[in-house]
Amino acid sequence: MPFTAADEAQIGAYQYSPLISPVSVLPDMAAALKLANEALSGIFGDLAGSVAVNSVPQSRNLEGGPEVNSRRNFLRRLAGKR
């Protein structure tokens, strides 16, 4: 599985590998998580574990309350807006 390395000033160095394109062909988040778990198992074997559909971690905002993980919030953090 090929990976691409990238480095962004706001989030640092990271690597990614597109699993499917376009992602809109996946019917829901459960299917996306299943695909991601299968890819991780293929890379790491038994070490990958499994992410349950309802256990997607929530980040915390500056006030300590839960912050909804969304594309909008991710892009706001990249732009320096919290």
Protein backbone atom coordinates (compact mmCIF):
# COMPACT_ATOMS: atom_id res chain seq x y z
CA MET A 1 0.00 0.00 0.00
CA PRO A 2 1.70 3.24 -1.09
CA PHE A 3 1.86 6.18 1.31
CA THR A 4 2.44 9.84 0.58
CA ALA A 5 4.39 11.96 3.06
CA ALA A 6 3.31 15.53 3.68
CA ASP A 7 4.09 18.31 6.14
CA GLU A 8 1.75 21.13 7.09
CA ALA A 9 2.80 23.93 9.40
CA GLN A 10 -0.42 23.73 11.41
CA ILE A 11 -0.52 19.95 11.96
CA GLY A 12 3.05 18.82 11.34
CA ALA A 13 4.36 15.84 9.39
CA TYR A 14 2.01 13.03 8.43
CA GLN A 15 1.58 10.23 5.93
CA TYR A 16 -1.55 9.21 4.12
CA SER A 17 -2.74 6.60 1.70
CA PRO A 18 -6.03 7.09 -0.11
CA LEU A 19 -8.07 3.93 0.41
CA ILE A 20 -10.92 4.71 -1.96
CA SER A 21 -11.77 7.47 -4.36
CA PRO A 22 -14.28 8.97 -4.48
CA VAL A 23 -15.23 8.41 -0.87
CA SER A 24 -18.85 9.19 -1.72
CA VAL A 25 -19.26 5.58 -2.95
CA LEU A 26 -19.25 4.44 0.70
CA PRO A 27 -22.81 4.28 2.00
CA ASP A 28 -22.12 5.41 5.58
CA MET A 29 -19.55 5.89 8.37
CA ALA A 30 -19.81 2.22 9.40
CA ALA A 31 -18.64 1.16 5.93
CA ALA A 32 -15.81 3.71 6.05
CA LEU A 33 -14.64 2.42 9.45
CA LYS A 34 -14.82 -1.18 8.21
CA LEU A 35 -12.67 -0.30 5.20
CA ALA A 36 -10.17 1.55 7.41
CA ASN A 37 -9.96 -1.37 9.86
CA GLU A 38 -9.39 -3.82 7.02
CA ALA A 39 -6.58 -1.63 5.66
CA LEU A 40 -4.98 -1.34 9.12
CA SER A 41 -5.23 -5.10 9.62
CA GLY A 42 -3.55 -5.60 6.26
CA ILE A 43 -0.69 -3.31 7.30
CA PHE A 44 -0.28 -4.18 11.00
CA GLY A 45 -1.90 -7.61 11.25
CA ASP A 46 -3.23 -8.43 14.71
CA LEU A 47 -1.67 -5.28 16.18
CA ALA A 48 -4.19 -3.06 14.38
CA GLY A 49 -7.08 -3.85 16.71
CA SER A 50 -10.52 -2.67 15.75
CA VAL A 51 -12.32 0.64 16.11
CA ALA A 52 -15.95 0.25 17.04
CA VAL A 53 -18.39 2.35 15.03
CA ASN A 54 -19.55 4.25 18.12
CA SER A 55 -16.09 4.80 19.62
CA VAL A 56 -14.79 7.52 17.30
CA PRO A 57 -12.83 9.77 19.68
CA GLN A 58 -14.01 13.29 20.31
CA SER A 59 -11.48 16.08 20.66
CA ARG A 60 -11.74 18.78 23.31
CA ASN A 61 -12.14 22.48 22.72
CA LEU A 62 -10.22 25.15 24.64
CA GLU A 63 -12.90 25.33 27.33
CA GLY A 64 -12.58 21.58 27.98
CA GLY A 65 -15.97 20.61 26.59
CA PRO A 66 -16.48 18.10 23.80
CA GLU A 67 -15.82 19.38 20.30
CA VAL A 68 -17.57 17.89 17.33
CA ASN A 69 -15.11 16.33 14.90
CA SER A 70 -16.01 17.74 11.51
CA ARG A 71 -14.36 18.87 8.34
CA ARG A 72 -15.34 22.45 9.19
CA ASN A 73 -13.61 22.32 12.60
CA PHE A 74 -10.53 20.68 11.07
CA LEU A 75 -10.25 23.44 8.46
CA ARG A 76 -10.83 26.11 11.10
CA ARG A 77 -7.94 24.71 13.15
CA LEU A 78 -5.73 24.77 10.04
CA ALA A 79 -6.66 28.41 9.51
CA GLY A 80 -5.78 29.23 13.12
CA LYS A 81 -9.40 29.77 14.18
CA ARG A 82 -10.70 27.70 17.05
